[in-house]
C-alpha atoms as a PDB file:
ATOM      1  CA  UNK A   1      -7.487 -31.681  11.061  1.00  0.00           C
ATOM      2  CA  UNK A   2     -10.829 -30.655  11.181  1.00  0.00           C
ATOM      3  CA  UNK A   3     -10.748 -29.593  14.919  1.00  0.00           C
ATOM      4  CA  UNK A   4      -7.320 -27.000  13.925  1.00  0.00           C
ATOM      5  CA  UNK A   5     -10.155 -25.643  11.200  1.00  0.00           C
ATOM      6  CA  UNK A   6     -12.794 -24.902  13.587  1.00  0.00           C
ATOM      7  CA  UNK A   7     -10.179 -23.876  15.469  1.00  0.00           C
ATOM      8  CA  UNK A   8      -9.531 -20.976  13.106  1.00  0.00           C
ATOM      9  CA  UNK A   9     -13.413 -20.827  12.472  1.00  0.00           C
ATOM     10  CA  UNK A  10     -13.970 -19.924  16.076  1.00  0.00           C
ATOM     11  CA  UNK A  11     -10.564 -17.865  16.536  1.00  0.00           C
ATOM     12  CA  UNK A  12     -10.544 -14.806  13.918  1.00  0.00           C
ATOM     13  CA  UNK A  13     -14.835 -13.612  13.762  1.00  0.00           C
ATOM     14  CA  UNK A  14     -14.173 -14.493  18.009  1.00  0.00           C
ATOM     15  CA  UNK A  15     -11.554 -12.021  17.940  1.00  0.00           C
ATOM     16  CA  UNK A  16     -13.877  -9.579  15.189  1.00  0.00           C
ATOM     17  CA  UNK A  17     -16.308  -9.471  17.783  1.00  0.00           C
ATOM     18  CA  UNK A  18     -14.376  -9.174  21.115  1.00  0.00           C
ATOM     19  CA  UNK A  19     -11.825  -6.833  19.704  1.00  0.00           C
ATOM     20  CA  UNK A  20     -15.857  -4.477  18.253  1.00  0.00           C
ATOM     21  CA  UNK A  21     -17.162  -4.995  21.787  1.00  0.00           C
ATOM     22  CA  UNK A  22     -13.964  -3.658  23.286  1.00  0.00           C
ATOM     23  CA  UNK A  23     -13.122  -0.588  21.612  1.00  0.00           C
ATOM     24  CA  UNK A  24     -17.787   0.126  22.056  1.00  0.00           C
ATOM     25  CA  UNK A  25     -16.780  -0.113  25.364  1.00  0.00           C
ATOM     26  CA  UNK A  26     -14.192   2.523  26.396  1.00  0.00           C
ATOM     27  CA  UNK A  27     -15.852   5.743  27.478  1.00  0.00           C
ATOM     28  CA  UNK A  28     -12.595   7.726  26.136  1.00  0.00           C
ATOM     29  CA  UNK A  29     -13.014   6.368  22.872  1.00  0.00           C
ATOM     30  CA  UNK A  30     -17.113   6.704  22.020  1.00  0.00           C
ATOM     31  CA  UNK A  31     -16.493   5.117  19.016  1.00  0.00           C
ATOM     32  CA  UNK A  32     -20.078   3.796  17.274  1.00  0.00           C
ATOM     33  CA  UNK A  33     -20.405   0.762  15.850  1.00  0.00           C
ATOM     34  CA  UNK A  34     -19.282   1.641  12.253  1.00  0.00           C
ATOM     35  CA  UNK A  35     -15.723   3.192  13.956  1.00  0.00           C
ATOM     36  CA  UNK A  36     -15.999  -0.446  15.995  1.00  0.00           C
ATOM     37  CA  UNK A  37     -16.043  -2.466  12.815  1.00  0.00           C
ATOM     38  CA  UNK A  38     -13.565  -0.663  11.403  1.00  0.00           C
ATOM     39  CA  UNK A  39     -10.663  -0.958  13.011  1.00  0.00           C
ATOM     40  CA  UNK A  40     -11.651  -4.120  14.468  1.00  0.00           C
ATOM     41  CA  UNK A  41     -11.417  -5.836  11.218  1.00  0.00           C
ATOM     42  CA  UNK A  42      -7.864  -4.149  10.321  1.00  0.00           C
ATOM     43  CA  UNK A  43      -6.596  -5.452  13.899  1.00  0.00           C
ATOM     44  CA  UNK A  44      -7.766  -9.286  13.023  1.00  0.00           C
ATOM     45  CA  UNK A  45      -5.661  -8.830   9.665  1.00  0.00           C
ATOM     46  CA  UNK A  46      -2.781  -7.316  11.914  1.00  0.00           C
ATOM     47  CA  UNK A  47      -3.228 -10.353  13.917  1.00  0.00           C
ATOM     48  CA  UNK A  48      -3.348 -12.979  11.343  1.00  0.00           C
ATOM     49  CA  UNK A  49      -0.502 -12.014   9.460  1.00  0.00           C
ATOM     50  CA  UNK A  50       2.240 -11.535  12.360  1.00  0.00           C
ATOM     51  CA  UNK A  51       0.523 -14.856  12.745  1.00  0.00           C
ATOM     52  CA  UNK A  52       1.367 -16.116   9.535  1.00  0.00           C
ATOM     53  CA  UNK A  53       4.720 -14.457   9.055  1.00  0.00           C
ATOM     54  CA  UNK A  54       5.735 -15.726  12.059  1.00  0.00           C
ATOM     55  CA  UNK A  55       5.108 -19.314  11.091  1.00  0.00           C
ATOM     56  CA  UNK A  56       6.883 -18.769   7.719  1.00  0.00           C
ATOM     57  CA  UNK A  57      10.171 -17.949   9.071  1.00  0.00           C
ATOM     58  CA  UNK A  58      10.131 -20.343  11.492  1.00  0.00           C
ATOM     59  CA  UNK A  59       9.335 -22.977   8.894  1.00  0.00           C
ATOM     60  CA  UNK A  60      11.772 -21.259   6.200  1.00  0.00           C
ATOM     61  CA  UNK A  61      14.380 -21.179   8.665  1.00  0.00           C
ATOM     62  CA  UNK A  62      13.606 -24.754  10.313  1.00  0.00           C
ATOM     63  CA  UNK A  63      14.417 -26.320   5.886  1.00  0.00           C
ATOM     64  CA  UNK A  64      17.825 -27.249   5.339  1.00  0.00           C
ATOM     65  CA  UNK A  65      16.198 -28.832   2.233  1.00  0.00           C
ATOM     66  CA  UNK A  66      14.032 -25.839   0.585  1.00  0.00           C
ATOM     67  CA  UNK A  67      12.321 -29.341  -1.746  1.00  0.00           C
ATOM     68  CA  UNK A  68      12.528 -32.557   1.224  1.00  0.00           C
ATOM     69  CA  UNK A  69      12.271 -30.693   4.285  1.00  0.00           C
ATOM     70  CA  UNK A  70       8.894 -30.725   6.520  1.00  0.00           C
ATOM     71  CA  UNK A  71       7.759 -28.892   9.168  1.00  0.00           C
ATOM     72  CA  UNK A  72       4.593 -29.420  10.879  1.00  0.00           C
ATOM     73  CA  UNK A  73       3.530 -26.208  11.221  1.00  0.00           C
ATOM     74  CA  UNK A  74       3.050 -26.029   7.833  1.00  0.00           C
ATOM     75  CA  UNK A  75      -0.632 -27.432   6.817  1.00  0.00           C
ATOM     76  CA  UNK A  76      -1.371 -27.016  10.702  1.00  0.00           C
ATOM     77  CA  UNK A  77      -1.335 -23.024   9.956  1.00  0.00           C
ATOM     78  CA  UNK A  78      -3.062 -23.144   6.163  1.00  0.00           C
ATOM     79  CA  UNK A  79      -5.466 -25.229   8.029  1.00  0.00           C
ATOM     80  CA  UNK A  80      -6.072 -22.964  10.761  1.00  0.00           C
ATOM     81  CA  UNK A  81      -5.404 -19.682   8.716  1.00  0.00           C
ATOM     82  CA  UNK A  82      -8.696 -21.102   5.638  1.00  0.00           C
ATOM     83  CA  UNK A  83     -11.359 -19.696   7.839  1.00  0.00           C
ATOM     84  CA  UNK A  84      -9.713 -16.287   8.030  1.00  0.00           C
ATOM     85  CA  UNK A  85     -10.025 -15.694   4.417  1.00  0.00           C
ATOM     86  CA  UNK A  86     -14.210 -16.444   4.303  1.00  0.00           C
ATOM     87  CA  UNK A  87     -14.379 -13.933   7.382  1.00  0.00           C
ATOM     88  CA  UNK A  88     -12.550 -11.759   5.910  1.00  0.00           C
ATOM     89  CA  UNK A  89     -14.729 -11.178   2.754  1.00  0.00           C
ATOM     90  CA  UNK A  90     -17.563 -10.830   5.239  1.00  0.00           C
ATOM     91  CA  UNK A  91     -15.445  -8.085   7.646  1.00  0.00           C
ATOM     92  CA  UNK A  92     -14.437  -6.101   4.260  1.00  0.00           C
ATOM     93  CA  UNK A  93     -18.569  -5.671   3.105  1.00  0.00           C
ATOM     94  CA  UNK A  94     -18.446  -4.498   6.671  1.00  0.00           C
ATOM     95  CA  UNK A  95     -16.460  -2.003   6.713  1.00  0.00           C
ATOM     96  CA  UNK A  96     -17.930  -0.829   3.285  1.00  0.00           C
ATOM     97  CA  UNK A  97     -21.496  -1.230   4.399  1.00  0.00           C
ATOM     98  CA  UNK A  98     -20.617   1.670   7.485  1.00  0.00           C
ATOM     99  CA  UNK A  99     -18.921   3.648   5.982  1.00  0.00           C
ATOM    100  CA  UNK A 100     -21.478   4.111   2.584  1.00  0.00           C
ATOM    101  CA  UNK A 101     -23.553   5.238   6.213  1.00  0.00           C
ATOM    102  CA  UNK A 102     -21.004   7.939   6.781  1.00  0.00           C
ATOM    103  CA  UNK A 103     -21.845   8.994   3.963  1.00  0.00           C
ATOM    104  CA  UNK A 104     -25.707   9.769   4.675  1.00  0.00           C
ATOM    105  CA  UNK A 105     -26.883   6.905   2.929  1.00  0.00           C
ATOM    106  CA  UNK A 106     -28.545   5.181   6.249  1.00  0.00           C
ATOM    107  CA  UNK A 107     -32.081   5.628   4.844  1.00  0.00           C
ATOM    108  CA  UNK A 108     -31.517   4.436   1.694  1.00  0.00           C
ATOM    109  CA  UNK A 109     -29.760   1.366   3.040  1.00  0.00           C
ATOM    110  CA  UNK A 110     -32.784   0.331   5.905  1.00  0.00           C
ATOM    111  CA  UNK A 111     -34.328  -1.512   2.358  1.00  0.00           C
ATOM    112  CA  UNK A 112     -33.740  -5.148   1.365  1.00  0.00           C
ATOM    113  CA  UNK A 113     -33.510  -4.382  -2.325  1.00  0.00           C
ATOM    114  CA  UNK A 114     -30.703  -1.948  -1.109  1.00  0.00           C
ATOM    115  CA  UNK A 115     -28.230  -4.104   0.681  1.00  0.00           C
ATOM    116  CA  UNK A 116     -28.808  -6.215  -2.153  1.00  0.00           C
ATOM    117  CA  UNK A 117     -27.104  -3.380  -4.456  1.00  0.00           C
ATOM    118  CA  UNK A 118     -24.295  -2.608  -1.653  1.00  0.00           C
ATOM    119  CA  UNK A 119     -23.429  -5.776  -1.965  1.00  0.00           C
ATOM    120  CA  UNK A 120     -23.594  -5.649  -5.675  1.00  0.00           C
ATOM    121  CA  UNK A 121     -21.628  -2.049  -5.273  1.00  0.00           C
ATOM    122  CA  UNK A 122     -19.264  -4.411  -2.742  1.00  0.00           C
ATOM    123  CA  UNK A 123     -17.961  -7.133  -5.058  1.00  0.00           C
ATOM    124  CA  UNK A 124     -17.554  -4.177  -8.059  1.00  0.00           C
ATOM    125  CA  UNK A 125     -15.557  -2.308  -6.201  1.00  0.00           C
ATOM    126  CA  UNK A 126     -13.951  -5.324  -4.397  1.00  0.00           C
ATOM    127  CA  UNK A 127     -14.028  -7.266  -7.045  1.00  0.00           C
ATOM    128  CA  UNK A 128      -9.526  -8.454  -7.281  1.00  0.00           C
ATOM    129  CA  UNK A 129      -9.358  -8.673  -3.044  1.00  0.00           C
ATOM    130  CA  UNK A 130     -12.839 -11.206  -3.142  1.00  0.00           C
ATOM    131  CA  UNK A 131     -11.261 -12.704  -5.595  1.00  0.00           C
ATOM    132  CA  UNK A 132      -7.314 -12.895  -4.194  1.00  0.00           C
ATOM    133  CA  UNK A 133      -9.399 -14.523  -0.761  1.00  0.00           C
ATOM    134  CA  UNK A 134     -11.541 -17.125  -3.310  1.00  0.00           C
ATOM    135  CA  UNK A 135      -8.726 -18.213  -5.101  1.00  0.00           C
ATOM    136  CA  UNK A 136      -6.520 -19.027  -1.926  1.00  0.00           C
ATOM    137  CA  UNK A 137      -9.578 -21.127  -0.081  1.00  0.00           C
ATOM    138  CA  UNK A 138     -10.810 -23.245  -3.314  1.00  0.00           C
ATOM    139  CA  UNK A 139      -7.240 -23.388  -5.280  1.00  0.00           C
ATOM    140  CA  UNK A 140      -4.620 -21.724  -2.987  1.00  0.00           C
ATOM    141  CA  UNK A 141      -5.563 -24.553   0.241  1.00  0.00           C
ATOM    142  CA  UNK A 142      -5.943 -28.248  -1.527  1.00  0.00           C
ATOM    143  CA  UNK A 143      -2.635 -27.345  -3.793  1.00  0.00           C
ATOM    144  CA  UNK A 144      -0.882 -26.208  -0.778  1.00  0.00           C
ATOM    145  CA  UNK A 145      -2.164 -29.224   1.408  1.00  0.00           C
ATOM    146  CA  UNK A 146      -3.304 -32.044  -0.990  1.00  0.00           C
ATOM    147  CA  UNK A 147      -1.124 -31.586  -4.401  1.00  0.00           C
ATOM    148  CA  UNK A 148       2.257 -30.838  -2.998  1.00  0.00           C
ATOM    149  CA  UNK A 149       2.352 -33.927  -0.936  1.00  0.00           C
ATOM    150  CA  UNK A 150       5.118 -33.171   1.800  1.00  0.00           C
ATOM    151  CA  UNK A 151       7.446 -31.011  -0.860  1.00  0.00           C
ATOM    152  CA  UNK A 152       8.466 -28.059  -0.639  1.00  0.00           C
ATOM    153  CA  UNK A 153       7.157 -26.447   2.931  1.00  0.00           C
ATOM    154  CA  UNK A 154      10.437 -24.287   2.676  1.00  0.00           C
ATOM    155  CA  UNK A 155       8.765 -23.025  -0.110  1.00  0.00           C
ATOM    156  CA  UNK A 156       5.380 -22.429   1.648  1.00  0.00           C
ATOM    157  CA  UNK A 157       7.301 -20.443   4.634  1.00  0.00           C
ATOM    158  CA  UNK A 158       8.914 -18.439   2.354  1.00  0.00           C
ATOM    159  CA  UNK A 159       4.607 -17.134   1.257  1.00  0.00           C
ATOM    160  CA  UNK A 160       3.625 -16.672   4.000  1.00  0.00           C
ATOM    161  CA  UNK A 161       5.804 -14.096   5.246  1.00  0.00           C
ATOM    162  CA  UNK A 162       4.011 -12.068   1.926  1.00  0.00           C
ATOM    163  CA  UNK A 163       1.776 -10.760   5.010  1.00  0.00           C
ATOM    164  CA  UNK A 164       4.535  -8.633   6.913  1.00  0.00           C
ATOM    165  CA  UNK A 165       3.511  -5.928   5.230  1.00  0.00           C
ATOM    166  CA  UNK A 166      -0.169  -6.482   6.132  1.00  0.00           C
ATOM    167  CA  UNK A 167      -0.130  -4.554   9.690  1.00  0.00           C
ATOM    168  CA  UNK A 168       1.283  -1.581   7.986  1.00  0.00           C
ATOM    169  CA  UNK A 169      -1.131  -1.493   4.878  1.00  0.00           C
ATOM    170  CA  UNK A 170      -4.137  -1.584   7.646  1.00  0.00           C
ATOM    171  CA  UNK A 171      -2.921   0.782   9.667  1.00  0.00           C
ATOM    172  CA  UNK A 172      -2.384   3.572   6.809  1.00  0.00           C
ATOM    173  CA  UNK A 173      -6.015   2.614   6.055  1.00  0.00           C
ATOM    174  CA  UNK A 174      -6.925   3.592   9.118  1.00  0.00           C
ATOM    175  CA  UNK A 175      -4.944   6.587   9.893  1.00  0.00           C
ATOM    176  CA  UNK A 176      -6.426   7.317   6.045  1.00  0.00           C
ATOM    177  CA  UNK A 177     -10.164   7.075   7.558  1.00  0.00           C
ATOM    178  CA  UNK A 178      -9.271   9.464  10.501  1.00  0.00           C
ATOM    179  CA  UNK A 179      -8.282  11.642   8.234  1.00  0.00           C
ATOM    180  CA  UNK A 180      -4.734  11.722   9.650  1.00  0.00           C
ATOM    181  CA  UNK A 181      -2.405  11.984   6.322  1.00  0.00           C
ATOM    182  CA  UNK A 182      -0.353  15.308   8.172  1.00  0.00           C
ATOM    183  CA  UNK A 183       0.694  13.178  10.781  1.00  0.00           C
ATOM    184  CA  UNK A 184       4.212  12.123  11.084  1.00  0.00           C
ATOM    185  CA  UNK A 185       3.018   8.816  11.938  1.00  0.00           C
ATOM    186  CA  UNK A 186       1.389   8.282   8.330  1.00  0.00           C
ATOM    187  CA  UNK A 187       4.194   9.014   6.748  1.00  0.00           C
ATOM    188  CA  UNK A 188       6.571   6.778   7.966  1.00  0.00           C
ATOM    189  CA  UNK A 189       3.580   3.986   7.614  1.00  0.00           C
ATOM    190  CA  UNK A 190       3.844   4.687   4.621  1.00  0.00           C
ATOM    191  CA  UNK A 191       6.978   4.646   3.448  1.00  0.00           C
ATOM    192  CA  UNK A 192       7.423   1.220   6.147  1.00  0.00           C
ATOM    193  CA  UNK A 193       4.455   0.153   3.689  1.00  0.00           C
ATOM    194  CA  UNK A 194       6.191   0.419   0.941  1.00  0.00           C
ATOM    195  CA  UNK A 195       9.126  -0.632   1.657  1.00  0.00           C
ATOM    196  CA  UNK A 196       7.740  -4.079   3.506  1.00  0.00           C
ATOM    197  CA  UNK A 197       5.490  -4.525   0.656  1.00  0.00           C
ATOM    198  CA  UNK A 198       8.167  -4.483  -2.314  1.00  0.00           C
ATOM    199  CA  UNK A 199      10.268  -6.840  -0.430  1.00  0.00           C
ATOM    200  CA  UNK A 200       7.296  -8.973   1.154  1.00  0.00           C
ATOM    201  CA  UNK A 201       5.356  -9.516  -2.218  1.00  0.00           C
ATOM    202  CA  UNK A 202       7.041  -8.264  -5.125  1.00  0.00           C
ATOM    203  CA  UNK A 203      10.606  -9.528  -4.666  1.00  0.00           C
ATOM    204  CA  UNK A 204       8.957 -12.925  -3.301  1.00  0.00           C
ATOM    205  CA  UNK A 205       8.582 -14.665  -6.845  1.00  0.00           C
ATOM    206  CA  UNK A 206      11.830 -13.440  -8.448  1.00  0.00           C
ATOM    207  CA  UNK A 207      13.146 -14.815  -5.276  1.00  0.00           C
ATOM    208  CA  UNK A 208      11.821 -17.993  -5.238  1.00  0.00           C
ATOM    209  CA  UNK A 209      13.170 -18.996  -8.399  1.00  0.00           C
ATOM    210  CA  UNK A 210      16.158 -17.765  -7.145  1.00  0.00           C
ATOM    211  CA  UNK A 211      16.284 -20.293  -4.678  1.00  0.00           C
ATOM    212  CA  UNK A 212      15.318 -23.203  -6.841  1.00  0.00           C
ATOM    213  CA  UNK A 213      18.258 -22.422  -9.016  1.00  0.00           C
ATOM    214  CA  UNK A 214      20.265 -22.263  -6.665  1.00  0.00           C
ATOM    215  CA  UNK A 215      19.689 -25.538  -5.012  1.00  0.00           C
ATOM    216  CA  UNK A 216      19.311 -26.890  -9.253  1.00  0.00           C
ATOM    217  CA  UNK A 217      22.479 -25.591  -9.734  1.00  0.00           C
ATOM    218  CA  UNK A 218      20.847 -23.655 -12.589  1.00  0.00           C
ATOM    219  CA  UNK A 219      21.442 -20.032 -13.539  1.00  0.00           C
ATOM    220  CA  UNK A 220      18.199 -18.141 -12.753  1.00  0.00           C
ATOM    221  CA  UNK A 221      16.948 -17.139 -15.797  1.00  0.00           C
ATOM    222  CA  UNK A 222      16.473 -20.639 -16.923  1.00  0.00           C
ATOM    223  CA  UNK A 223      14.437 -21.572 -13.888  1.00  0.00           C
ATOM    224  CA  UNK A 224      11.106 -21.081 -15.339  1.00  0.00           C
ATOM    225  CA  UNK A 225      12.142 -22.761 -18.606  1.00  0.00           C
ATOM    226  CA  UNK A 226      12.845 -25.893 -16.105  1.00  0.00           C
ATOM    227  CA  UNK A 227      10.136 -25.705 -13.176  1.00  0.00           C
ATOM    228  CA  UNK A 228       6.628 -27.661 -14.319  1.00  0.00           C
ATOM    229  CA  UNK A 229       4.904 -24.922 -16.964  1.00  0.00           C
ATOM    230  CA  UNK A 230       1.485 -24.818 -13.662  1.00  0.00           C
ATOM    231  CA  UNK A 231       4.462 -23.668 -11.142  1.00  0.00           C
ATOM    232  CA  UNK A 232       4.656 -20.774 -13.356  1.00  0.00           C
ATOM    233  CA  UNK A 233       1.225 -20.133 -14.344  1.00  0.00           C
ATOM    234  CA  UNK A 234       0.490 -20.019 -10.489  1.00  0.00           C
ATOM    235  CA  UNK A 235       3.318 -17.647  -9.415  1.00  0.00           C
ATOM    236  CA  UNK A 236       2.449 -15.402 -13.021  1.00  0.00           C
ATOM    237  CA  UNK A 237      -1.698 -15.608 -11.645  1.00  0.00           C
ATOM    238  CA  UNK A 238      -0.261 -14.804  -7.993  1.00  0.00           C
ATOM    239  CA  UNK A 239       1.877 -11.746  -8.465  1.00  0.00           C
ATOM    240  CA  UNK A 240       0.053 -10.094 -10.749  1.00  0.00           C
ATOM    241  CA  UNK A 241      -2.576  -8.359  -8.162  1.00  0.00           C
ATOM    242  CA  UNK A 242       0.681  -8.133  -6.228  1.00  0.00           C
ATOM    243  CA  UNK A 243       1.893  -5.657  -8.823  1.00  0.00           C
ATOM    244  CA  UNK A 244      -0.965  -4.131  -9.389  1.00  0.00           C
ATOM    245  CA  UNK A 245      -1.404  -2.975  -5.788  1.00  0.00           C
ATOM    246  CA  UNK A 246       2.025  -2.255  -5.460  1.00  0.00           C
ATOM    247  CA  UNK A 247       1.509   0.649  -8.418  1.00  0.00           C
ATOM    248  CA  UNK A 248      -1.830   1.575  -6.093  1.00  0.00           C
ATOM    249  CA  UNK A 249       0.812   2.301  -3.019  1.00  0.00           C
ATOM    250  CA  UNK A 250       3.529   3.907  -4.750  1.00  0.00           C
ATOM    251  CA  UNK A 251       1.060   5.972  -6.412  1.00  0.00           C
ATOM    252  CA  UNK A 252      -0.411   7.244  -2.764  1.00  0.00           C
ATOM    253  CA  UNK A 253       3.445   7.414  -1.862  1.00  0.00           C
ATOM    254  CA  UNK A 254       3.573  10.192  -4.278  1.00  0.00           C
ATOM    255  CA  UNK A 255       1.073  11.770  -3.291  1.00  0.00           C
ATOM    256  CA  UNK A 256       1.466  12.019  -0.072  1.00  0.00           C
ATOM    257  CA  UNK A 257       5.378  13.460  -0.406  1.00  0.00           C
ATOM    258  CA  UNK A 258       4.497  15.478  -2.781  1.00  0.00           C
ATOM    259  CA  UNK A 259       1.573  17.254  -0.876  1.00  0.00           C
ATOM    260  CA  UNK A 260      -0.938  15.952  -4.019  1.00  0.00           C
ATOM    261  CA  UNK A 261      -4.493  16.407  -3.424  1.00  0.00           C
ATOM    262  CA  UNK A 262      -6.159  13.301  -4.728  1.00  0.00           C
ATOM    263  CA  UNK A 263      -8.635   9.938  -4.059  1.00  0.00           C
ATOM    264  CA  UNK A 264      -6.914   7.502  -1.754  1.00  0.00           C
ATOM    265  CA  UNK A 265      -6.473   4.532  -3.581  1.00  0.00           C
ATOM    266  CA  UNK A 266      -7.809   1.221  -4.280  1.00  0.00           C
ATOM    267  CA  UNK A 267      -7.809  -1.639  -1.390  1.00  0.00           C
ATOM    268  CA  UNK A 268      -3.927  -3.000  -0.926  1.00  0.00           C
ATOM    269  CA  UNK A 269      -4.792  -5.931   1.479  1.00  0.00           C
ATOM    270  CA  UNK A 270      -4.094  -9.727   1.295  1.00  0.00           C
END
């Protein structure tokens, strides 16, 4: 178990550093440190998303009994991915830091007190995302690995598949960062992001309730009254930020396809 945890601790930061160095070393790109950091952070998030959603599909498709069946990949990938959420808090701050520098605050940011100010500003701006990552490590990790006692690997696999929308979210952020909102790629990616986020994040929790209702032979509307209260609380707490981020994506899509000008929405990546 510790070996898998250590592997994740090396893989995600290592991929970030390797990607950053490769991007900086390509003469045709001539990217600055900040450009390489921002794109590398999105790349690592996309790689993690592909790995998680692939693992989720393998797990869910292998479990015939949605409660009792187990798959070795479930706990293994959870252990491997936990360091990603710690790393990503740092990576998101680095992206925020370099965005401030692009806006012309290099001299002000040089002093240590301004670094602390930047950290506070980052935590205020990305509070929901940072909180989400902290909860994933401190709550979801022990619940998924220890509290479940090997039950419900199917549900865990479906939860992994929520990451299907992440690559399109990351690409959208890169295109916005480099002012490519007018391109066909941005519009196609925006539509894909809207659809995948809705299906794999917003509809995910109703789907889990529906699947359990079929398994237990009870009506869908009775499932919340049948499952333990902490399952309902956990689902509500996990779904609430997804609904908030989906509302931001919808607002961004409305501006994109109507041509309205407005500041880009806040972060919506998990």
